[in-house]
Amino acid sequence: MMGLEPGDHIKIPINFKGNPFTHHGIYVGDYYLEDGTPHKVDGVVHFEKQHTLGEVKIKHTDLEGFCKYPERVNEIEVVNYNSYFSKIERMKVVENALKCAQKYESYGNNIFKKIFGLGYNIATFNCEHLATQCRLGYAQSSQGDLLQTILFYGPEIQKALQKMY
């Protein structure tokens, strides 16, 4: 976890209803916006479930808020991209993430329905989609793709497995 740099796409393993997933975000660090925004920003931009409302929102939190528990901060991993994917400079990634958080605070989930045609959805627009959108310029999620495959082909997969065993 040591050595995080602003613009890093980070992840941490989580357990969701007994299933292993990873939670993703963009580390923004200590950063003053170039446009003269006077406040210092620190931490991570990521999707976070609001437990009281059952709603998922884009949040700008510190690392402990990203992990949920302070003792898990050392479990954070940086998602490595090969040189082909490193063309967006780090400060642009930070700006992308902070703009997403600011737009979300202003417009809520409707901004993502308007921009991407959808709001938060674990299979089609989750935290990994958000992080890759900020980092790469397009949204993708390997765990979302896997979930969509399971949901779409689940009955066929189950039948094939039954035939095998």
C-alpha atoms as a PDB file:
ATOM      1  CA  MET A   1       0.000   0.000   0.000  1.00  0.00           C
ATOM      2  CA  MET A   2       2.898   2.331   0.658  1.00  0.00           C
ATOM      3  CA  GLY A   3       3.862   4.654  -2.143  1.00  0.00           C
ATOM      4  CA  LEU A   4       0.405   5.529  -3.472  1.00  0.00           C
ATOM      5  CA  GLU A   5       0.475   8.329  -6.021  1.00  0.00           C
ATOM      6  CA  PRO A   6      -2.401  10.598  -7.026  1.00  0.00           C
ATOM      7  CA  GLY A   7      -4.201   9.061  -9.993  1.00  0.00           C
ATOM      8  CA  ASP A   8      -3.607   5.458  -8.911  1.00  0.00           C
ATOM      9  CA  HIS A   9      -6.488   3.071  -9.522  1.00  0.00           C
ATOM     10  CA  ILE A  10      -6.642   1.157  -6.241  1.00  0.00           C
ATOM     11  CA  LYS A  11      -8.558  -1.878  -5.039  1.00  0.00           C
ATOM     12  CA  ILE A  12      -9.137  -3.897  -1.891  1.00  0.00           C
ATOM     13  CA  PRO A  13     -10.629  -7.393  -1.503  1.00  0.00           C
ATOM     14  CA  ILE A  14     -14.131  -7.483  -0.022  1.00  0.00           C
ATOM     15  CA  ASN A  15     -16.670 -10.134   0.810  1.00  0.00           C
ATOM     16  CA  PHE A  16     -20.186  -9.441  -0.467  1.00  0.00           C
ATOM     17  CA  LYS A  17     -22.811 -11.877   0.792  1.00  0.00           C
ATOM     18  CA  GLY A  18     -20.204 -14.622   1.061  1.00  0.00           C
ATOM     19  CA  ASN A  19     -18.700 -13.954  -2.385  1.00  0.00           C
ATOM     20  CA  PRO A  20     -15.226 -12.528  -3.037  1.00  0.00           C
ATOM     21  CA  PHE A  21     -15.117  -9.238  -4.941  1.00  0.00           C
ATOM     22  CA  THR A  22     -12.831  -6.228  -5.048  1.00  0.00           C
ATOM     23  CA  HIS A  23     -13.736  -2.640  -4.224  1.00  0.00           C
ATOM     24  CA  HIS A  24     -12.176  -0.034  -6.533  1.00  0.00           C
ATOM     25  CA  GLY A  25     -11.451   3.678  -6.373  1.00  0.00           C
ATOM     26  CA  ILE A  26      -9.130   6.420  -7.565  1.00  0.00           C
ATOM     27  CA  TYR A  27      -6.565   7.676  -5.076  1.00  0.00           C
ATOM     28  CA  VAL A  28      -6.491  11.486  -5.236  1.00  0.00           C
ATOM     29  CA  GLY A  29      -4.043  12.120  -2.393  1.00  0.00           C
ATOM     30  CA  ASP A  30      -3.287  15.627  -1.134  1.00  0.00           C
ATOM     31  CA  TYR A  31      -4.028  17.811  -4.114  1.00  0.00           C
ATOM     32  CA  TYR A  32      -5.005  21.408  -4.862  1.00  0.00           C
ATOM     33  CA  LEU A  33      -7.030  21.767  -8.027  1.00  0.00           C
ATOM     34  CA  GLU A  34      -5.277  23.767 -10.745  1.00  0.00           C
ATOM     35  CA  ASP A  35      -8.424  25.816 -11.391  1.00  0.00           C
ATOM     36  CA  GLY A  36      -7.852  27.560  -8.067  1.00  0.00           C
ATOM     37  CA  THR A  37     -10.295  25.571  -5.978  1.00  0.00           C
ATOM     38  CA  PRO A  38      -9.220  26.681  -2.493  1.00  0.00           C
ATOM     39  CA  HIS A  39      -9.835  23.520  -0.488  1.00  0.00           C
ATOM     40  CA  LYS A  40      -7.336  20.732  -0.107  1.00  0.00           C
ATOM     41  CA  VAL A  41      -8.652  17.338  -1.110  1.00  0.00           C
ATOM     42  CA  ASP A  42      -7.407  14.081   0.332  1.00  0.00           C
ATOM     43  CA  GLY A  43      -8.208  10.448  -0.107  1.00  0.00           C
ATOM     44  CA  VAL A  44     -10.169   8.320  -2.557  1.00  0.00           C
ATOM     45  CA  VAL A  45     -13.097   8.773  -4.929  1.00  0.00           C
ATOM     46  CA  HIS A  46     -15.268   5.645  -5.028  1.00  0.00           C
ATOM     47  CA  PHE A  47     -18.821   4.308  -4.869  1.00  0.00           C
ATOM     48  CA  GLU A  48     -20.014   3.808  -1.300  1.00  0.00           C
ATOM     49  CA  LYS A  49     -23.234   2.298  -0.047  1.00  0.00           C
ATOM     50  CA  GLN A  50     -25.208   4.552   2.255  1.00  0.00           C
ATOM     51  CA  HIS A  51     -26.341   2.010   4.842  1.00  0.00           C
ATOM     52  CA  THR A  52     -29.174   4.102   6.210  1.00  0.00           C
ATOM     53  CA  LEU A  53     -30.718   4.651   2.790  1.00  0.00           C
ATOM     54  CA  GLY A  54     -29.592   1.507   0.988  1.00  0.00           C
ATOM     55  CA  GLU A  55     -28.424   3.841  -1.784  1.00  0.00           C
ATOM     56  CA  VAL A  56     -25.012   3.810  -3.484  1.00  0.00           C
ATOM     57  CA  LYS A  57     -23.280   7.160  -3.977  1.00  0.00           C
ATOM     58  CA  ILE A  58     -19.975   8.407  -5.283  1.00  0.00           C
ATOM     59  CA  LYS A  59     -18.019   9.553  -2.265  1.00  0.00           C
ATOM     60  CA  HIS A  60     -14.766  11.362  -1.706  1.00  0.00           C
ATOM     61  CA  THR A  61     -13.388   9.814   1.484  1.00  0.00           C
ATOM     62  CA  ASP A  62     -10.101   9.135   3.197  1.00  0.00           C
ATOM     63  CA  LEU A  63      -8.313   5.791   2.814  1.00  0.00           C
ATOM     64  CA  GLU A  64      -9.920   4.416   5.980  1.00  0.00           C
ATOM     65  CA  GLY A  65     -13.360   5.254   4.603  1.00  0.00           C
ATOM     66  CA  PHE A  66     -12.478   3.445   1.385  1.00  0.00           C
ATOM     67  CA  CYS A  67     -11.406   0.333   3.340  1.00  0.00           C
ATOM     68  CA  LYS A  68     -14.220   0.570   5.914  1.00  0.00           C
ATOM     69  CA  TYR A  69     -11.773  -0.388   8.666  1.00  0.00           C
ATOM     70  CA  PRO A  70      -8.470   1.386   9.509  1.00  0.00           C
ATOM     71  CA  GLU A  71      -6.598  -1.887   9.981  1.00  0.00           C
ATOM     72  CA  ARG A  72      -7.284  -2.822   6.323  1.00  0.00           C
ATOM     73  CA  VAL A  73      -5.453   0.156   4.803  1.00  0.00           C
ATOM     74  CA  ASN A  74      -2.358  -2.034   4.283  1.00  0.00           C
ATOM     75  CA  GLU A  75      -4.428  -4.406   2.100  1.00  0.00           C
ATOM     76  CA  ILE A  76      -4.890  -1.766  -0.619  1.00  0.00           C
ATOM     77  CA  GLU A  77      -3.381  -2.734  -3.973  1.00  0.00           C
ATOM     78  CA  VAL A  78      -2.611  -0.552  -6.982  1.00  0.00           C
ATOM     79  CA  VAL A  79      -4.081  -1.775 -10.280  1.00  0.00           C
ATOM     80  CA  ASN A  80      -1.188  -1.894 -12.727  1.00  0.00           C
ATOM     81  CA  TYR A  81      -1.692  -0.987 -16.373  1.00  0.00           C
ATOM     82  CA  ASN A  82       0.800  -1.691 -19.108  1.00  0.00           C
ATOM     83  CA  SER A  83       2.256   1.298 -20.953  1.00  0.00           C
ATOM     84  CA  TYR A  84      -0.605   1.312 -23.463  1.00  0.00           C
ATOM     85  CA  PHE A  85      -3.046   2.226 -20.686  1.00  0.00           C
ATOM     86  CA  SER A  86      -0.894   4.852 -18.968  1.00  0.00           C
ATOM     87  CA  LYS A  87      -1.473   7.674 -21.455  1.00  0.00           C
ATOM     88  CA  ILE A  88      -3.828   9.700 -19.256  1.00  0.00           C
ATOM     89  CA  GLU A  89      -1.527  11.654 -17.004  1.00  0.00           C
ATOM     90  CA  ARG A  90      -2.063  11.286 -13.254  1.00  0.00           C
ATOM     91  CA  MET A  91      -3.431  14.761 -12.571  1.00  0.00           C
ATOM     92  CA  LYS A  92      -5.993  14.325 -15.343  1.00  0.00           C
ATOM     93  CA  VAL A  93      -7.133  11.101 -13.662  1.00  0.00           C
ATOM     94  CA  VAL A  94      -7.439  12.957 -10.339  1.00  0.00           C
ATOM     95  CA  GLU A  95      -9.428  15.731 -12.018  1.00  0.00           C
ATOM     96  CA  ASN A  96     -11.701  13.157 -13.698  1.00  0.00           C
ATOM     97  CA  ALA A  97     -12.383  11.477 -10.354  1.00  0.00           C
ATOM     98  CA  LEU A  98     -13.012  14.735  -8.497  1.00  0.00           C
ATOM     99  CA  LYS A  99     -15.321  15.963 -11.262  1.00  0.00           C
ATOM    100  CA  CYS A 100     -17.318  12.722 -10.977  1.00  0.00           C
ATOM    101  CA  ALA A 101     -17.624  13.227  -7.214  1.00  0.00           C
ATOM    102  CA  GLN A 102     -18.574  16.907  -7.601  1.00  0.00           C
ATOM    103  CA  LYS A 103     -21.122  16.181 -10.327  1.00  0.00           C
ATOM    104  CA  TYR A 104     -22.580  13.399  -8.250  1.00  0.00           C
ATOM    105  CA  GLU A 105     -22.919  15.726  -5.255  1.00  0.00           C
ATOM    106  CA  SER A 106     -24.727  18.230  -7.499  1.00  0.00           C
ATOM    107  CA  TYR A 107     -26.911  15.899  -9.547  1.00  0.00           C
ATOM    108  CA  GLY A 108     -26.979  12.545  -7.776  1.00  0.00           C
ATOM    109  CA  ASN A 109     -27.374   9.268  -9.623  1.00  0.00           C
ATOM    110  CA  ASN A 110     -29.245  11.046 -12.434  1.00  0.00           C
ATOM    111  CA  ILE A 111     -25.966  12.456 -13.804  1.00  0.00           C
ATOM    112  CA  PHE A 112     -24.740   8.935 -14.564  1.00  0.00           C
ATOM    113  CA  LYS A 113     -28.080   7.964 -16.047  1.00  0.00           C
ATOM    114  CA  LYS A 114     -27.718  10.989 -18.318  1.00  0.00           C
ATOM    115  CA  ILE A 115     -24.021  10.518 -19.197  1.00  0.00           C
ATOM    116  CA  PHE A 116     -23.778   6.735 -19.382  1.00  0.00           C
ATOM    117  CA  GLY A 117     -27.443   5.818 -19.787  1.00  0.00           C
ATOM    118  CA  LEU A 118     -27.487   4.139 -16.387  1.00  0.00           C
ATOM    119  CA  GLY A 119     -26.960   4.640 -12.685  1.00  0.00           C
ATOM    120  CA  TYR A 120     -25.119   2.416 -10.227  1.00  0.00           C
ATOM    121  CA  ASN A 121     -25.597  -1.238 -11.027  1.00  0.00           C
ATOM    122  CA  ILE A 122     -23.375  -3.990  -9.663  1.00  0.00           C
ATOM    123  CA  ALA A 123     -23.186  -5.665 -13.087  1.00  0.00           C
ATOM    124  CA  THR A 124     -23.179  -2.719 -15.514  1.00  0.00           C
ATOM    125  CA  PHE A 125     -21.806   0.342 -13.657  1.00  0.00           C
ATOM    126  CA  ASN A 126     -20.026  -0.454 -10.398  1.00  0.00           C
ATOM    127  CA  CYS A 127     -16.962   0.890  -8.563  1.00  0.00           C
ATOM    128  CA  GLU A 128     -14.576  -0.776 -11.023  1.00  0.00           C
ATOM    129  CA  HIS A 129     -16.416   0.836 -13.953  1.00  0.00           C
ATOM    130  CA  LEU A 130     -16.099   4.225 -12.234  1.00  0.00           C
ATOM    131  CA  ALA A 131     -12.359   3.794 -11.579  1.00  0.00           C
ATOM    132  CA  THR A 132     -11.597   2.666 -15.133  1.00  0.00           C
ATOM    133  CA  GLN A 133     -13.735   5.499 -16.544  1.00  0.00           C
ATOM    134  CA  CYS A 134     -11.597   7.982 -14.609  1.00  0.00           C
ATOM    135  CA  ARG A 135      -8.284   6.222 -15.286  1.00  0.00           C
ATOM    136  CA  LEU A 136      -8.700   4.990 -18.869  1.00  0.00           C
ATOM    137  CA  GLY A 137     -11.442   7.191 -20.273  1.00  0.00           C
ATOM    138  CA  TYR A 138     -13.881   4.303 -20.677  1.00  0.00           C
ATOM    139  CA  ALA A 139     -15.741   2.127 -18.206  1.00  0.00           C
ATOM    140  CA  GLN A 140     -14.934  -1.569 -17.881  1.00  0.00           C
ATOM    141  CA  SER A 141     -15.195  -4.159 -15.120  1.00  0.00           C
ATOM    142  CA  SER A 142     -13.994  -7.732 -15.197  1.00  0.00           C
ATOM    143  CA  GLN A 143     -16.115  -8.612 -12.165  1.00  0.00           C
ATOM    144  CA  GLY A 144     -19.141  -6.890 -13.733  1.00  0.00           C
ATOM    145  CA  ASP A 145     -18.586  -8.837 -16.962  1.00  0.00           C
ATOM    146  CA  LEU A 146     -18.374 -12.093 -15.008  1.00  0.00           C
ATOM    147  CA  LEU A 147     -21.554 -11.295 -13.109  1.00  0.00           C
ATOM    148  CA  GLN A 148     -23.401 -10.459 -16.339  1.00  0.00           C
ATOM    149  CA  THR A 149     -22.235 -13.737 -17.866  1.00  0.00           C
ATOM    150  CA  ILE A 150     -23.419 -15.695 -14.838  1.00  0.00           C
ATOM    151  CA  LEU A 151     -26.771 -13.905 -14.815  1.00  0.00           C
ATOM    152  CA  PHE A 152     -27.298 -14.331 -18.552  1.00  0.00           C
ATOM    153  CA  TYR A 153     -25.915 -17.855 -19.004  1.00  0.00           C
ATOM    154  CA  GLY A 154     -26.551 -19.180 -15.481  1.00  0.00           C
ATOM    155  CA  PRO A 155     -29.106 -21.850 -16.411  1.00  0.00           C
ATOM    156  CA  GLU A 156     -26.952 -23.125 -19.307  1.00  0.00           C
ATOM    157  CA  ILE A 157     -23.846 -23.204 -17.103  1.00  0.00           C
ATOM    158  CA  GLN A 158     -25.737 -25.099 -14.426  1.00  0.00           C
ATOM    159  CA  LYS A 159     -26.990 -27.671 -16.963  1.00  0.00           C
ATOM    160  CA  ALA A 160     -23.483 -28.138 -18.377  1.00  0.00           C
ATOM    161  CA  LEU A 161     -22.038 -28.642 -14.893  1.00  0.00           C
ATOM    162  CA  GLN A 162     -24.723 -31.186 -14.062  1.00  0.00           C
ATOM    163  CA  LYS A 163     -23.853 -33.150 -17.217  1.00  0.00           C
ATOM    164  CA  MET A 164     -20.184 -33.127 -16.241  1.00  0.00           C
ATOM    165  CA  TYR A 165     -20.781 -34.470 -12.745  1.00  0.00           C
END
